[in-house]
Amino acid sequence: MSENELIEQNADMLSEYHLDYSTARPNRFAEDIAEGSLVVVLEPRLAQVFKTPERVKAILEAIAQAMPPQEPHAAHG
């Protein structure tokens, strides 16, 4: 995409936004996510293959079991 196309695409965006956090609400999905979890968004092509969280978990578990053990390392933050 050219620089001119980017400028045109973002022409309606303000340089700064002021948000009223006093009206913010807690994320209604956050309590369903266990501490230490990682949330991943699948690209459309992969989402067509792995249609449920259970299918994603099953293949990732199979891959993890086939991998050699890894040394524990410091968490990223």
N, C-alpha and C. Protein backbone atom coordinates (compact mmCIF):
# COMPACT_ATOMS: atom_id res chain seq x y z
N MET A 1 0.85 -1.17 0.00
CA MET A 1 0.00 0.00 0.00
C MET A 1 0.90 1.24 0.00
N SER A 2 0.57 2.19 -0.85
CA SER A 2 1.39 3.39 -0.94
C SER A 2 1.12 4.33 0.22
N GLU A 3 2.01 5.28 0.40
CA GLU A 3 1.85 6.25 1.51
C GLU A 3 0.58 7.06 1.32
N ASN A 4 0.26 7.44 0.08
CA ASN A 4 -0.96 8.20 -0.18
C ASN A 4 -2.21 7.40 0.17
N GLU A 5 -2.19 6.11 -0.14
CA GLU A 5 -3.33 5.25 0.19
C GLU A 5 -3.51 5.14 1.70
N LEU A 6 -2.40 5.04 2.43
CA LEU A 6 -2.48 4.99 3.89
C LEU A 6 -3.03 6.28 4.46
N ILE A 7 -2.61 7.41 3.92
CA ILE A 7 -3.11 8.71 4.40
C ILE A 7 -4.60 8.82 4.15
N GLU A 8 -5.05 8.42 2.96
CA GLU A 8 -6.48 8.46 2.63
C GLU A 8 -7.27 7.54 3.54
N GLN A 9 -6.75 6.34 3.79
CA GLN A 9 -7.43 5.37 4.62
C GLN A 9 -7.58 5.87 6.05
N ASN A 10 -6.60 6.59 6.56
CA ASN A 10 -6.62 7.07 7.95
C ASN A 10 -7.07 8.51 8.08
N ALA A 11 -7.60 9.12 7.02
CA ALA A 11 -7.98 10.52 7.03
C ALA A 11 -9.05 10.82 8.07
N ASP A 12 -9.92 9.86 8.35
CA ASP A 12 -11.00 10.11 9.31
C ASP A 12 -10.59 9.82 10.75
N MET A 13 -9.35 9.40 10.97
CA MET A 13 -8.86 9.13 12.32
C MET A 13 -8.32 10.41 12.94
N LEU A 14 -8.64 10.62 14.20
CA LEU A 14 -8.10 11.76 14.92
C LEU A 14 -6.67 11.47 15.35
N SER A 15 -5.90 12.51 15.59
CA SER A 15 -4.53 12.32 16.04
C SER A 15 -4.49 11.85 17.49
N GLU A 16 -5.56 12.10 18.22
CA GLU A 16 -5.62 11.71 19.62
C GLU A 16 -7.07 11.47 20.02
N TYR A 17 -7.30 10.50 20.87
CA TYR A 17 -8.64 10.20 21.36
C TYR A 17 -8.64 10.30 22.88
N HIS A 18 -9.69 10.88 23.44
CA HIS A 18 -9.84 10.96 24.89
C HIS A 18 -10.94 9.99 25.29
N LEU A 19 -10.58 8.97 26.05
CA LEU A 19 -11.53 7.95 26.45
C LEU A 19 -12.01 8.22 27.87
N ASP A 20 -13.29 8.01 28.09
CA ASP A 20 -13.88 8.18 29.41
C ASP A 20 -13.88 6.83 30.10
N TYR A 21 -12.83 6.56 30.86
CA TYR A 21 -12.69 5.26 31.52
C TYR A 21 -13.69 5.07 32.66
N SER A 22 -14.35 6.13 33.08
CA SER A 22 -15.34 5.99 34.14
C SER A 22 -16.56 5.20 33.67
N THR A 23 -16.74 5.11 32.35
CA THR A 23 -17.87 4.34 31.81
C THR A 23 -17.47 2.94 31.37
N ALA A 24 -16.19 2.60 31.55
CA ALA A 24 -15.70 1.28 31.12
C ALA A 24 -16.29 0.18 32.00
N ARG A 25 -16.46 -0.99 31.41
CA ARG A 25 -16.96 -2.15 32.13
C ARG A 25 -15.92 -3.26 32.09
N PRO A 26 -15.94 -4.15 33.07
CA PRO A 26 -14.99 -5.27 33.05
C PRO A 26 -15.24 -6.15 31.83
N ASN A 27 -14.20 -6.80 31.36
CA ASN A 27 -14.30 -7.73 30.23
C ASN A 27 -15.11 -8.94 30.67
N ARG A 28 -16.26 -9.15 30.06
CA ARG A 28 -17.15 -10.24 30.48
C ARG A 28 -16.59 -11.62 30.16
N PHE A 29 -15.57 -11.69 29.31
CA PHE A 29 -14.96 -12.97 28.97
C PHE A 29 -13.75 -13.29 29.83
N ALA A 30 -13.21 -12.32 30.51
CA ALA A 30 -11.95 -12.49 31.24
C ALA A 30 -12.04 -13.55 32.32
N GLU A 31 -13.15 -13.67 33.01
CA GLU A 31 -13.23 -14.64 34.11
C GLU A 31 -13.20 -16.09 33.61
N ASP A 32 -13.48 -16.31 32.32
CA ASP A 32 -13.42 -17.65 31.75
C ASP A 32 -11.99 -18.08 31.38
N ILE A 33 -11.06 -17.14 31.43
CA ILE A 33 -9.68 -17.42 31.04
C ILE A 33 -8.85 -17.65 32.29
N ALA A 34 -8.28 -18.84 32.40
CA ALA A 34 -7.49 -19.22 33.58
C ALA A 34 -6.19 -18.42 33.63
N GLU A 35 -5.73 -18.13 34.84
CA GLU A 35 -4.46 -17.45 35.06
C GLU A 35 -3.34 -18.21 34.34
N GLY A 36 -2.51 -17.50 33.63
CA GLY A 36 -1.40 -18.12 32.91
C GLY A 36 -1.76 -18.61 31.52
N SER A 37 -3.01 -18.44 31.11
CA SER A 37 -3.43 -18.87 29.77
C SER A 37 -2.91 -17.92 28.71
N LEU A 38 -2.89 -18.40 27.48
CA LEU A 38 -2.51 -17.60 26.33
C LEU A 38 -3.67 -17.67 25.34
N VAL A 39 -4.20 -16.53 24.96
CA VAL A 39 -5.30 -16.48 24.00
C VAL A 39 -4.70 -16.23 22.62
N VAL A 40 -5.13 -17.03 21.65
CA VAL A 40 -4.61 -16.94 20.29
C VAL A 40 -5.78 -16.79 19.32
N VAL A 41 -5.62 -15.91 18.34
CA VAL A 41 -6.63 -15.75 17.30
C VAL A 41 -6.10 -16.44 16.05
N LEU A 42 -6.89 -17.38 15.53
CA LEU A 42 -6.47 -18.13 14.34
C LEU A 42 -6.80 -17.33 13.08
N GLU A 43 -5.90 -17.42 12.12
CA GLU A 43 -6.17 -16.83 10.82
C GLU A 43 -7.33 -17.59 10.18
N PRO A 44 -8.08 -16.93 9.29
CA PRO A 44 -9.27 -17.57 8.70
C PRO A 44 -9.00 -18.94 8.11
N ARG A 45 -7.87 -19.13 7.42
CA ARG A 45 -7.57 -20.42 6.80
C ARG A 45 -7.46 -21.51 7.86
N LEU A 46 -6.82 -21.21 8.98
CA LEU A 46 -6.69 -22.20 10.06
C LEU A 46 -8.01 -22.38 10.79
N ALA A 47 -8.77 -21.32 10.94
CA ALA A 47 -10.07 -21.42 11.62
C ALA A 47 -11.04 -22.31 10.85
N GLN A 48 -10.86 -22.44 9.55
CA GLN A 48 -11.70 -23.35 8.77
C GLN A 48 -11.39 -24.80 9.08
N VAL A 49 -10.16 -25.09 9.47
CA VAL A 49 -9.74 -26.45 9.79
C VAL A 49 -10.03 -26.77 11.25
N PHE A 50 -9.65 -25.87 12.14
CA PHE A 50 -9.82 -26.07 13.58
C PHE A 50 -11.02 -25.25 14.04
N LYS A 51 -12.19 -25.83 13.96
CA LYS A 51 -13.44 -25.09 14.19
C LYS A 51 -13.84 -24.96 15.65
N THR A 52 -13.20 -25.72 16.54
CA THR A 52 -13.56 -25.64 17.96
C THR A 52 -12.30 -25.55 18.82
N PRO A 53 -12.43 -24.98 20.01
CA PRO A 53 -11.28 -24.94 20.92
C PRO A 53 -10.76 -26.34 21.24
N GLU A 54 -11.65 -27.31 21.31
CA GLU A 54 -11.24 -28.68 21.62
C GLU A 54 -10.32 -29.24 20.54
N ARG A 55 -10.60 -28.96 19.27
CA ARG A 55 -9.74 -29.45 18.19
C ARG A 55 -8.37 -28.79 18.22
N VAL A 56 -8.36 -27.49 18.53
CA VAL A 56 -7.08 -26.79 18.64
C VAL A 56 -6.27 -27.37 19.79
N LYS A 57 -6.91 -27.56 20.94
CA LYS A 57 -6.22 -28.11 22.11
C LYS A 57 -5.69 -29.51 21.83
N ALA A 58 -6.48 -30.33 21.14
CA ALA A 58 -6.07 -31.71 20.87
C ALA A 58 -4.81 -31.75 20.02
N ILE A 59 -4.75 -30.96 18.96
CA ILE A 59 -3.56 -30.99 18.10
C ILE A 59 -2.36 -30.39 18.81
N LEU A 60 -2.57 -29.32 19.58
CA LEU A 60 -1.45 -28.73 20.31
C LEU A 60 -0.92 -29.67 21.39
N GLU A 61 -1.80 -30.41 22.05
CA GLU A 61 -1.37 -31.40 23.04
C GLU A 61 -0.55 -32.51 22.38
N ALA A 62 -0.99 -32.96 21.19
CA ALA A 62 -0.26 -34.00 20.48
C ALA A 62 1.14 -33.51 20.08
N ILE A 63 1.21 -32.28 19.61
CA ILE A 63 2.51 -31.71 19.24
C ILE A 63 3.39 -31.57 20.48
N ALA A 64 2.83 -31.07 21.56
CA ALA A 64 3.59 -30.87 22.79
C ALA A 64 4.13 -32.19 23.33
N GLN A 65 3.36 -33.26 23.25
CA GLN A 65 3.79 -34.57 23.73
C GLN A 65 4.93 -35.12 22.88
N ALA A 66 4.95 -34.77 21.59
CA ALA A 66 5.98 -35.27 20.70
C ALA A 66 7.29 -34.49 20.80
N MET A 67 7.24 -33.33 21.41
CA MET A 67 8.43 -32.49 21.53
C MET A 67 9.32 -32.96 22.68
N PRO A 68 10.63 -32.77 22.55
CA PRO A 68 11.51 -33.09 23.68
C PRO A 68 11.25 -32.12 24.84
N PRO A 69 11.51 -32.55 26.08
CA PRO A 69 11.31 -31.65 27.22
C PRO A 69 12.16 -30.39 27.07
N GLN A 70 11.61 -29.28 27.54
CA GLN A 70 12.33 -28.01 27.46
C GLN A 70 12.69 -27.53 28.85
N GLU A 71 13.80 -26.80 28.92
CA GLU A 71 14.22 -26.20 30.18
C GLU A 71 13.24 -25.09 30.55
N PRO A 72 12.87 -25.01 31.84
CA PRO A 72 12.00 -23.87 32.24
C PRO A 72 12.77 -22.57 32.06
N HIS A 73 12.06 -21.52 31.68
CA HIS A 73 12.69 -20.22 31.51
C HIS A 73 11.79 -19.14 32.10
N ALA A 74 12.34 -17.98 32.27
CA ALA A 74 11.60 -16.88 32.86
C ALA A 74 10.43 -16.50 31.96
N ALA A 75 9.32 -16.13 32.58
CA ALA A 75 8.13 -15.72 31.83
C ALA A 75 8.37 -14.38 31.17
N HIS A 76 7.77 -14.22 29.99
CA HIS A 76 7.87 -12.94 29.29
C HIS A 76 6.83 -12.01 29.87
N GLY A 77 7.10 -10.76 29.93
CA GLY A 77 6.12 -9.85 30.49
C GLY A 77 6.29 -8.54 30.04
